[in-house]
N, C-alpha and C. Protein backbone atom coordinates (compact mmCIF):
# COMPACT_ATOMS: atom_id res chain seq x y z
N MET A 1 0.81 -1.13 0.04
CA MET A 1 0.03 -0.02 0.07
C MET A 1 0.87 1.23 0.04
N ARG A 2 0.69 2.18 -0.77
CA ARG A 2 1.41 3.46 -1.01
C ARG A 2 0.72 4.55 -0.33
N ASN A 3 1.34 5.35 0.57
CA ASN A 3 0.81 6.53 1.11
C ASN A 3 0.98 7.72 0.21
N THR A 4 0.00 8.54 -0.03
CA THR A 4 0.02 9.59 -0.75
C THR A 4 -0.32 10.94 -0.01
N LEU A 5 0.47 11.90 -0.08
CA LEU A 5 0.14 13.20 0.69
C LEU A 5 -0.57 14.02 -0.42
N VAL A 6 -1.78 14.49 0.05
CA VAL A 6 -2.62 15.36 -0.81
C VAL A 6 -2.66 16.78 -0.11
N PRO A 7 -2.37 17.89 -0.66
CA PRO A 7 -2.45 19.11 -0.14
C PRO A 7 -3.83 19.45 0.38
N ILE A 8 -3.89 20.15 1.57
CA ILE A 8 -5.15 20.42 2.19
C ILE A 8 -6.11 21.19 1.24
N PRO A 9 -5.83 22.11 0.52
CA PRO A 9 -6.74 22.82 -0.35
C PRO A 9 -7.39 21.80 -1.33
N ILE A 10 -6.73 21.00 -1.77
CA ILE A 10 -7.19 19.86 -2.67
C ILE A 10 -8.26 19.10 -2.00
N LEU A 11 -7.88 18.62 -0.76
CA LEU A 11 -8.85 17.85 0.06
C LEU A 11 -10.10 18.55 0.38
N LEU A 12 -9.95 19.88 0.70
CA LEU A 12 -11.19 20.63 1.02
C LEU A 12 -12.06 20.76 -0.29
N ALA A 13 -11.39 20.99 -1.38
CA ALA A 13 -12.07 21.07 -2.66
C ALA A 13 -12.83 19.83 -3.06
N LEU A 14 -12.18 18.74 -2.84
CA LEU A 14 -12.81 17.36 -3.08
C LEU A 14 -13.98 17.07 -2.11
N SER A 15 -13.88 17.65 -0.92
CA SER A 15 -14.98 17.42 0.08
C SER A 15 -16.18 18.21 -0.15
N GLY A 16 -16.16 19.12 -1.16
CA GLY A 16 -17.28 20.03 -1.45
C GLY A 16 -17.17 21.33 -0.79
N ALA A 17 -16.07 21.56 0.01
CA ALA A 17 -15.89 22.98 0.55
C ALA A 17 -15.42 23.97 -0.50
N VAL A 18 -15.52 25.23 -0.40
CA VAL A 18 -15.08 26.09 -1.36
C VAL A 18 -13.93 26.78 -0.68
N VAL A 19 -12.74 26.80 -1.36
CA VAL A 19 -11.53 27.42 -0.80
C VAL A 19 -11.11 28.52 -1.61
N PHE A 20 -10.83 29.63 -0.95
CA PHE A 20 -10.33 30.75 -1.74
C PHE A 20 -8.98 31.16 -1.25
N GLY A 21 -7.98 31.33 -2.12
CA GLY A 21 -6.76 31.95 -1.81
C GLY A 21 -6.84 33.47 -2.24
N ALA A 22 -6.98 34.25 -1.06
CA ALA A 22 -7.26 35.62 -1.39
C ALA A 22 -6.02 36.54 -1.22
N ALA A 23 -5.91 37.55 -2.01
CA ALA A 23 -4.90 38.49 -1.90
C ALA A 23 -5.51 39.89 -1.64
N GLN A 24 -4.76 40.95 -1.71
CA GLN A 24 -5.28 42.27 -1.40
C GLN A 24 -6.47 42.55 -2.31
N GLY A 25 -7.48 43.24 -1.75
CA GLY A 25 -8.56 43.66 -2.60
C GLY A 25 -9.70 42.61 -2.72
N ASP A 26 -9.67 41.55 -1.99
CA ASP A 26 -10.78 40.46 -2.12
C ASP A 26 -11.94 40.86 -1.27
N SER A 27 -13.09 41.19 -1.82
CA SER A 27 -14.10 41.67 -0.95
C SER A 27 -14.91 40.55 -0.13
N ARG A 28 -14.58 39.34 -0.42
CA ARG A 28 -15.13 38.19 0.47
C ARG A 28 -14.51 38.08 1.75
N LEU A 29 -13.31 38.70 2.05
CA LEU A 29 -12.57 38.62 3.33
C LEU A 29 -13.17 39.45 4.40
N PRO A 30 -13.10 39.03 5.69
CA PRO A 30 -13.54 39.83 6.75
C PRO A 30 -12.61 41.16 6.70
N GLY A 31 -13.18 42.27 7.19
CA GLY A 31 -12.54 43.50 7.25
C GLY A 31 -11.12 43.49 7.89
N ALA A 32 -11.10 42.89 9.06
CA ALA A 32 -9.70 42.85 9.71
C ALA A 32 -8.67 42.03 8.96
N THR A 33 -9.14 41.01 8.20
CA THR A 33 -8.17 40.18 7.43
C THR A 33 -7.80 41.11 6.22
N GLN A 34 -8.69 41.77 5.62
CA GLN A 34 -8.29 42.75 4.53
C GLN A 34 -7.36 43.83 5.02
N GLY A 35 -7.55 44.34 6.23
CA GLY A 35 -6.65 45.33 6.86
C GLY A 35 -5.25 44.74 6.91
N LEU A 36 -5.12 43.47 7.47
CA LEU A 36 -3.87 42.97 7.57
C LEU A 36 -3.18 42.68 6.21
N LEU A 37 -3.93 42.22 5.16
CA LEU A 37 -3.38 42.08 3.83
C LEU A 37 -2.81 43.45 3.32
N ASP A 38 -3.59 44.45 3.65
CA ASP A 38 -3.20 45.88 3.18
C ASP A 38 -1.94 46.32 3.91
N GLU A 39 -1.88 45.90 5.18
CA GLU A 39 -0.56 46.25 5.97
C GLU A 39 0.67 45.66 5.51
N TYR A 40 0.53 44.40 5.00
CA TYR A 40 1.62 43.67 4.56
C TYR A 40 1.52 43.28 3.10
N PRO A 41 1.88 43.99 2.15
CA PRO A 41 1.73 43.74 0.70
C PRO A 41 2.49 42.33 0.43
N GLY A 42 1.70 41.52 -0.43
CA GLY A 42 2.16 40.27 -0.74
C GLY A 42 1.67 39.13 0.14
N LEU A 43 0.98 39.41 1.40
CA LEU A 43 0.40 38.56 2.18
C LEU A 43 -0.80 37.91 1.47
N ARG A 44 -1.08 36.68 1.84
CA ARG A 44 -2.21 35.85 1.30
C ARG A 44 -3.00 35.31 2.44
N ALA A 45 -4.33 35.05 2.09
CA ALA A 45 -5.19 34.32 3.16
C ALA A 45 -5.97 33.28 2.40
N VAL A 46 -6.07 32.14 3.07
CA VAL A 46 -6.94 31.14 2.63
C VAL A 46 -8.11 31.03 3.50
N HIS A 47 -9.33 31.13 2.88
CA HIS A 47 -10.61 31.21 3.58
C HIS A 47 -11.67 30.32 2.96
N VAL A 48 -12.63 30.00 3.89
CA VAL A 48 -13.92 29.37 3.34
C VAL A 48 -14.98 30.29 3.95
N GLY A 49 -15.65 31.10 3.16
CA GLY A 49 -16.58 32.05 3.64
C GLY A 49 -15.88 33.14 4.48
N SER A 50 -16.33 33.30 5.61
CA SER A 50 -15.65 34.29 6.55
C SER A 50 -14.66 33.68 7.54
N SER A 51 -14.48 32.39 7.36
CA SER A 51 -13.53 31.64 8.28
C SER A 51 -12.21 31.61 7.53
N VAL A 52 -11.25 32.26 8.27
CA VAL A 52 -9.88 32.27 7.69
C VAL A 52 -9.04 31.14 8.25
N HIS A 53 -8.41 30.35 7.39
CA HIS A 53 -7.78 29.20 7.78
C HIS A 53 -6.17 29.29 7.69
N ALA A 54 -5.72 30.22 6.87
CA ALA A 54 -4.23 30.48 6.82
C ALA A 54 -3.93 31.81 6.32
N ILE A 55 -2.91 32.36 6.87
CA ILE A 55 -2.37 33.68 6.53
C ILE A 55 -0.88 33.45 6.39
N TYR A 56 -0.37 33.80 5.20
CA TYR A 56 1.04 33.57 4.83
C TYR A 56 1.49 34.27 3.73
N GLY A 57 2.86 34.24 3.38
CA GLY A 57 3.40 34.89 2.13
C GLY A 57 4.52 35.82 2.43
N VAL A 58 4.47 36.58 3.42
CA VAL A 58 5.46 37.55 3.76
C VAL A 58 5.66 37.62 5.29
N PRO A 59 6.79 37.98 5.70
CA PRO A 59 6.96 38.15 7.19
C PRO A 59 5.93 39.26 7.75
N MET A 60 5.53 39.05 8.86
CA MET A 60 4.56 39.95 9.55
C MET A 60 5.22 40.56 10.76
N THR A 61 4.51 40.42 11.88
CA THR A 61 4.97 41.10 13.09
C THR A 61 6.32 40.62 13.57
N SER A 62 7.14 41.58 13.91
CA SER A 62 8.53 41.21 14.45
C SER A 62 8.75 41.73 15.76
N ALA A 63 9.72 41.05 16.46
CA ALA A 63 10.14 41.40 17.79
C ALA A 63 11.43 40.83 18.24
N ASP A 64 11.91 41.18 19.40
CA ASP A 64 13.20 40.76 19.74
C ASP A 64 13.26 39.29 20.23
N THR A 65 12.10 38.70 20.59
CA THR A 65 11.98 37.24 20.95
C THR A 65 10.86 36.68 20.10
N PRO A 66 10.96 35.30 19.94
CA PRO A 66 9.80 34.57 19.30
C PRO A 66 8.46 34.80 20.04
N GLU A 67 8.62 34.70 21.38
CA GLU A 67 7.55 34.70 22.23
C GLU A 67 6.83 36.15 22.06
N ARG A 68 7.59 37.12 22.13
CA ARG A 68 7.01 38.51 21.87
C ARG A 68 6.40 38.70 20.47
N ALA A 69 6.98 38.10 19.50
CA ALA A 69 6.52 38.34 18.23
C ALA A 69 5.04 37.62 18.09
N ALA A 70 4.94 36.43 18.61
CA ALA A 70 3.67 35.74 18.62
C ALA A 70 2.68 36.52 19.44
N GLN A 71 3.00 37.02 20.61
CA GLN A 71 2.13 37.68 21.53
C GLN A 71 1.64 39.01 20.82
N TRP A 72 2.57 39.73 20.17
CA TRP A 72 2.16 41.05 19.59
C TRP A 72 1.19 40.74 18.34
N TRP A 73 1.50 39.68 17.56
CA TRP A 73 0.64 39.31 16.47
C TRP A 73 -0.75 39.04 16.98
N MET A 74 -0.85 38.24 18.04
CA MET A 74 -2.21 37.81 18.56
C MET A 74 -2.91 39.11 19.09
N GLU A 75 -2.19 39.99 19.78
CA GLU A 75 -2.84 41.15 20.30
C GLU A 75 -3.29 42.10 19.25
N ASP A 76 -2.54 42.27 18.17
CA ASP A 76 -2.79 43.18 17.06
C ASP A 76 -3.69 42.64 15.98
N HIS A 77 -3.65 41.30 15.64
CA HIS A 77 -4.14 40.82 14.45
C HIS A 77 -5.19 39.60 14.61
N SER A 78 -5.39 39.16 15.89
CA SER A 78 -6.27 37.95 16.02
C SER A 78 -7.69 38.10 15.35
N PRO A 79 -8.23 39.28 15.24
CA PRO A 79 -9.53 39.47 14.54
C PRO A 79 -9.48 39.12 13.02
N ALA A 80 -8.12 39.14 12.56
CA ALA A 80 -8.07 38.74 11.09
C ALA A 80 -8.39 37.29 10.86
N LEU A 81 -8.57 36.43 11.91
CA LEU A 81 -8.95 35.15 11.86
C LEU A 81 -10.45 34.92 11.50
N GLY A 82 -11.20 36.12 11.43
CA GLY A 82 -12.58 36.03 11.11
C GLY A 82 -13.54 36.00 12.21
N ILE A 83 -13.06 36.03 13.49
CA ILE A 83 -13.91 35.98 14.63
C ILE A 83 -13.61 37.07 15.63
N ALA A 84 -14.59 38.06 15.89
CA ALA A 84 -14.30 39.15 16.70
C ALA A 84 -14.31 38.61 18.17
N ASP A 85 -13.36 39.17 18.92
CA ASP A 85 -13.33 38.87 20.28
C ASP A 85 -13.15 37.52 20.68
N VAL A 86 -12.34 36.76 19.82
CA VAL A 86 -11.99 35.37 19.99
C VAL A 86 -11.26 35.23 21.26
N ASP A 87 -11.52 34.15 22.03
CA ASP A 87 -10.82 33.87 23.32
C ASP A 87 -9.75 32.68 22.99
N LEU A 88 -8.44 33.05 22.76
CA LEU A 88 -7.47 32.15 22.46
C LEU A 88 -6.44 32.11 23.60
N ARG A 89 -6.08 30.87 24.02
CA ARG A 89 -5.13 30.81 25.08
C ARG A 89 -3.84 29.81 24.61
N LEU A 90 -2.79 30.40 24.90
CA LEU A 90 -1.58 29.67 24.58
C LEU A 90 -1.45 28.34 25.31
N THR A 91 -1.36 27.18 24.52
CA THR A 91 -1.19 26.02 25.17
C THR A 91 0.15 25.26 25.18
N ARG A 92 0.92 25.62 24.08
CA ARG A 92 2.33 25.14 24.11
C ARG A 92 3.07 25.92 22.96
N SER A 93 4.50 25.75 23.12
CA SER A 93 5.31 26.37 22.11
C SER A 93 6.64 25.49 22.10
N ASN A 94 7.17 25.33 20.89
CA ASN A 94 8.42 24.62 20.86
C ASN A 94 9.15 25.00 19.55
N ALA A 95 10.44 24.90 19.62
CA ALA A 95 11.27 25.17 18.50
C ALA A 95 11.13 23.90 17.54
N VAL A 96 11.11 24.20 16.22
CA VAL A 96 11.05 23.03 15.21
C VAL A 96 12.06 23.25 14.22
N SER A 97 12.25 22.10 13.52
CA SER A 97 13.36 21.98 12.56
C SER A 97 14.57 21.55 13.21
N PRO A 98 15.50 20.77 12.57
CA PRO A 98 16.69 20.38 13.17
C PRO A 98 17.59 21.55 13.71
N THR A 99 17.53 22.62 13.02
CA THR A 99 18.43 23.82 13.33
C THR A 99 17.69 24.75 14.35
N GLN A 100 16.45 24.48 14.69
CA GLN A 100 15.51 25.27 15.54
C GLN A 100 15.47 26.61 14.75
N ARG A 101 15.27 26.70 13.54
CA ARG A 101 15.14 27.87 12.82
C ARG A 101 13.80 28.54 13.08
N PHE A 102 12.71 27.80 13.47
CA PHE A 102 11.39 28.21 13.74
C PHE A 102 10.93 27.85 15.12
N THR A 103 9.92 28.70 15.60
CA THR A 103 9.33 28.30 16.86
C THR A 103 7.79 28.40 16.44
N VAL A 104 7.04 27.29 17.00
CA VAL A 104 5.65 27.25 16.71
C VAL A 104 4.99 27.49 18.09
N PHE A 105 3.83 28.32 17.95
CA PHE A 105 3.04 28.63 19.13
C PHE A 105 1.71 28.17 18.85
N VAL A 106 1.09 27.35 19.72
CA VAL A 106 -0.23 26.83 19.65
C VAL A 106 -1.21 27.30 20.58
N TYR A 107 -2.24 27.93 20.08
CA TYR A 107 -3.41 28.39 20.94
C TYR A 107 -4.66 27.60 20.77
N HIS A 108 -5.44 27.51 21.79
CA HIS A 108 -6.75 26.85 21.73
C HIS A 108 -7.79 27.86 21.93
N GLN A 109 -9.05 27.54 21.45
CA GLN A 109 -10.13 28.52 21.56
C GLN A 109 -11.04 28.10 22.76
N PHE A 110 -11.56 29.08 23.42
CA PHE A 110 -12.55 28.92 24.46
C PHE A 110 -13.80 29.82 24.22
N ILE A 111 -14.97 29.23 24.54
CA ILE A 111 -16.12 30.03 24.47
C ILE A 111 -16.89 29.86 25.81
N ASP A 112 -17.12 30.94 26.47
CA ASP A 112 -17.67 30.95 27.86
C ASP A 112 -16.83 30.11 28.76
N ASP A 113 -15.46 30.21 28.60
CA ASP A 113 -14.51 29.52 29.49
C ASP A 113 -14.51 28.04 29.31
N LEU A 114 -15.05 27.55 28.19
CA LEU A 114 -15.04 26.11 27.94
C LEU A 114 -14.19 25.87 26.61
N PRO A 115 -13.35 24.84 26.68
CA PRO A 115 -12.50 24.63 25.53
C PRO A 115 -13.34 24.19 24.31
N VAL A 116 -13.01 24.66 23.11
CA VAL A 116 -13.68 24.28 21.92
C VAL A 116 -12.85 23.01 21.33
N GLU A 117 -13.44 21.97 21.28
CA GLU A 117 -12.86 20.69 20.81
C GLU A 117 -12.20 20.83 19.41
N LEU A 118 -11.05 20.48 19.24
CA LEU A 118 -10.23 20.47 18.00
C LEU A 118 -10.00 21.77 17.43
N SER A 119 -10.18 22.78 18.17
CA SER A 119 -9.77 24.22 17.81
C SER A 119 -8.20 24.29 17.94
N ALA A 120 -7.55 25.19 17.01
CA ALA A 120 -6.28 25.45 17.13
C ALA A 120 -5.87 26.64 16.22
N VAL A 121 -4.93 27.48 16.76
CA VAL A 121 -4.27 28.52 15.97
C VAL A 121 -2.77 28.27 16.12
N ARG A 122 -2.19 28.08 15.03
CA ARG A 122 -0.72 27.89 15.06
C ARG A 122 0.01 29.07 14.41
N LEU A 123 0.93 29.68 15.16
CA LEU A 123 1.72 30.78 14.63
C LEU A 123 3.03 30.24 14.50
N LEU A 124 3.75 30.39 13.28
CA LEU A 124 5.06 29.98 13.07
C LEU A 124 6.01 31.22 13.02
N VAL A 125 7.04 31.29 13.86
CA VAL A 125 7.86 32.43 13.99
C VAL A 125 9.20 32.01 13.43
N LEU A 126 9.75 32.85 12.54
CA LEU A 126 11.08 32.61 12.00
C LEU A 126 12.08 33.18 12.93
N ASN A 127 12.85 32.30 13.60
CA ASN A 127 13.81 32.86 14.61
C ASN A 127 14.97 33.51 14.02
N GLY A 128 15.40 34.73 14.48
CA GLY A 128 16.44 35.50 13.93
C GLY A 128 16.44 36.92 14.46
N VAL A 129 17.12 37.79 13.84
CA VAL A 129 17.23 39.19 14.19
C VAL A 129 16.49 39.98 12.96
N PRO A 130 15.29 40.35 13.08
CA PRO A 130 14.36 40.15 14.23
C PRO A 130 13.57 38.89 13.97
N ASN A 131 12.89 38.46 15.12
CA ASN A 131 12.01 37.24 15.04
C ASN A 131 10.70 37.68 14.32
N GLN A 132 10.27 36.93 13.29
CA GLN A 132 9.11 37.37 12.55
C GLN A 132 8.05 36.20 12.39
N VAL A 133 6.77 36.71 12.54
CA VAL A 133 5.69 35.76 12.37
C VAL A 133 5.57 35.57 10.87
N VAL A 134 5.69 34.36 10.38
CA VAL A 134 5.65 34.06 8.96
C VAL A 134 4.39 33.27 8.42
N TYR A 135 3.74 32.59 9.30
CA TYR A 135 2.68 31.82 8.99
C TYR A 135 1.60 31.74 10.15
N VAL A 136 0.24 31.81 9.89
CA VAL A 136 -0.76 31.63 10.88
C VAL A 136 -1.70 30.63 10.27
N GLY A 137 -1.99 29.52 11.01
CA GLY A 137 -3.02 28.59 10.46
C GLY A 137 -4.03 28.48 11.64
N ALA A 138 -5.29 28.40 11.17
CA ALA A 138 -6.38 28.44 12.23
C ALA A 138 -7.55 27.46 11.84
N ARG A 139 -8.12 26.90 12.92
CA ARG A 139 -9.27 26.16 12.78
C ARG A 139 -10.17 26.55 14.04
N LEU A 140 -11.01 27.41 13.74
CA LEU A 140 -11.81 28.06 14.82
C LEU A 140 -13.35 27.78 14.58
N ALA A 141 -14.16 28.00 15.68
CA ALA A 141 -15.57 27.67 15.64
C ALA A 141 -16.18 29.17 15.82
N GLN A 142 -17.20 29.30 15.06
CA GLN A 142 -18.04 30.61 15.28
C GLN A 142 -18.90 30.33 16.57
N ARG A 143 -19.07 31.42 17.31
CA ARG A 143 -19.96 31.35 18.43
C ARG A 143 -21.31 31.15 17.93
N PRO A 144 -22.10 30.09 18.29
CA PRO A 144 -23.43 29.95 17.93
C PRO A 144 -24.31 30.94 18.59
N GLY A 145 -25.16 31.68 17.98
CA GLY A 145 -26.08 32.71 18.47
C GLY A 145 -27.01 32.15 19.46
N TRP A 146 -27.44 30.97 19.38
CA TRP A 146 -28.45 30.43 20.22
C TRP A 146 -27.82 29.79 21.52
N LEU A 147 -26.47 29.71 21.60
CA LEU A 147 -25.79 28.93 22.72
C LEU A 147 -25.80 29.76 24.01
N ARG A 148 -26.53 29.29 24.95
CA ARG A 148 -26.45 30.00 26.25
C ARG A 148 -26.22 28.75 27.25
N ILE A 149 -25.06 28.77 27.78
CA ILE A 149 -24.75 27.65 28.72
C ILE A 149 -25.25 27.94 30.07
N ARG A 150 -25.98 27.02 30.69
CA ARG A 150 -26.44 27.24 32.09
C ARG A 150 -25.97 26.00 32.92
N CYS A 151 -25.57 26.28 34.13
CA CYS A 151 -25.20 25.25 35.07
C CYS A 151 -26.28 25.11 36.06
N HIS A 152 -26.52 23.76 36.34
CA HIS A 152 -27.67 23.46 37.32
C HIS A 152 -26.94 22.69 38.37
N ARG A 153 -27.50 22.93 39.59
CA ARG A 153 -27.02 22.16 40.82
C ARG A 153 -27.95 20.91 40.92
N TRP A 154 -27.23 19.78 40.79
CA TRP A 154 -27.98 18.48 40.89
C TRP A 154 -27.56 17.88 42.12
N SER A 155 -28.55 17.24 42.90
CA SER A 155 -28.14 16.53 44.13
C SER A 155 -29.03 15.30 44.23
N VAL A 156 -28.48 14.27 44.83
CA VAL A 156 -29.00 12.92 44.94
C VAL A 156 -30.01 13.06 46.07
N GLY A 157 -31.23 12.54 45.84
CA GLY A 157 -32.19 12.51 46.96
C GLY A 157 -33.21 13.49 46.84
N HIS A 158 -33.11 14.44 45.99
CA HIS A 158 -34.01 15.70 45.91
C HIS A 158 -34.67 15.64 44.58
N GLY A 159 -34.78 14.56 43.94
CA GLY A 159 -35.42 14.54 42.56
C GLY A 159 -34.22 14.53 41.57
N VAL A 160 -34.74 14.47 40.35
CA VAL A 160 -33.80 14.29 39.21
C VAL A 160 -34.06 15.60 38.27
N GLY A 161 -32.87 16.17 37.80
CA GLY A 161 -33.11 17.38 36.89
C GLY A 161 -32.93 18.61 37.46
N PRO A 162 -32.81 19.63 36.60
CA PRO A 162 -32.68 21.03 37.06
C PRO A 162 -33.86 21.50 37.95
N GLY A 163 -33.58 22.18 38.90
CA GLY A 163 -34.54 22.84 39.82
C GLY A 163 -34.99 21.95 40.99
N HIS A 164 -34.38 20.77 40.99
CA HIS A 164 -34.73 19.87 42.16
C HIS A 164 -33.61 19.72 43.09
N GLY A 165 -32.67 20.67 43.08
CA GLY A 165 -31.61 20.53 44.11
C GLY A 165 -31.41 21.84 44.71
C-alpha cells in the first residue's frame, strides 16, 4: 500500500468545501483580514466564507524574541482570523526543525470559558534578528447565536433534573 500526501486545499475542494486563496482587494474577506493584507503587501489568506484558515506569504509582526512576536501578532491581528473577540489561550510552544530555525506557538479557543474541541491556531515564527511571524494557521468555531450555557445544581435524593436541588 502506498501513502500519498494530498495538499489540504485539494482535500477541501474534493470534500465540497469552497476554498479561496485571497490577496489584497478581495471583498469576500472579513474587514480585519483585509486590513492585515493591506498592511503587509504580498500577504495571502486562505478562507472558506468568513472563516480564515491560513495567513502567509510575507513576514509579519517582528520582535526581539519569538514569544513577543507571537504575543504581539495575537494582540494586534487575531480578529483577522474572522472571529471578533475570540478567546485564544496559549497551550504550548516549541522550536521546530533540526536547526531550531522556527518556533511554533499553539493556541486553543474557548467559548464561555469552555475549551472548543479540535480548535487550534498555530503561529510560526522565523527565529532570527528580528524574530518574525511568517505563517498563521487556524481552525476556529463561530460562536453559535443560540448557545447559552447554564449550570444546574444536581443533588441525589432531591429529585432528578434542574430545579430539584
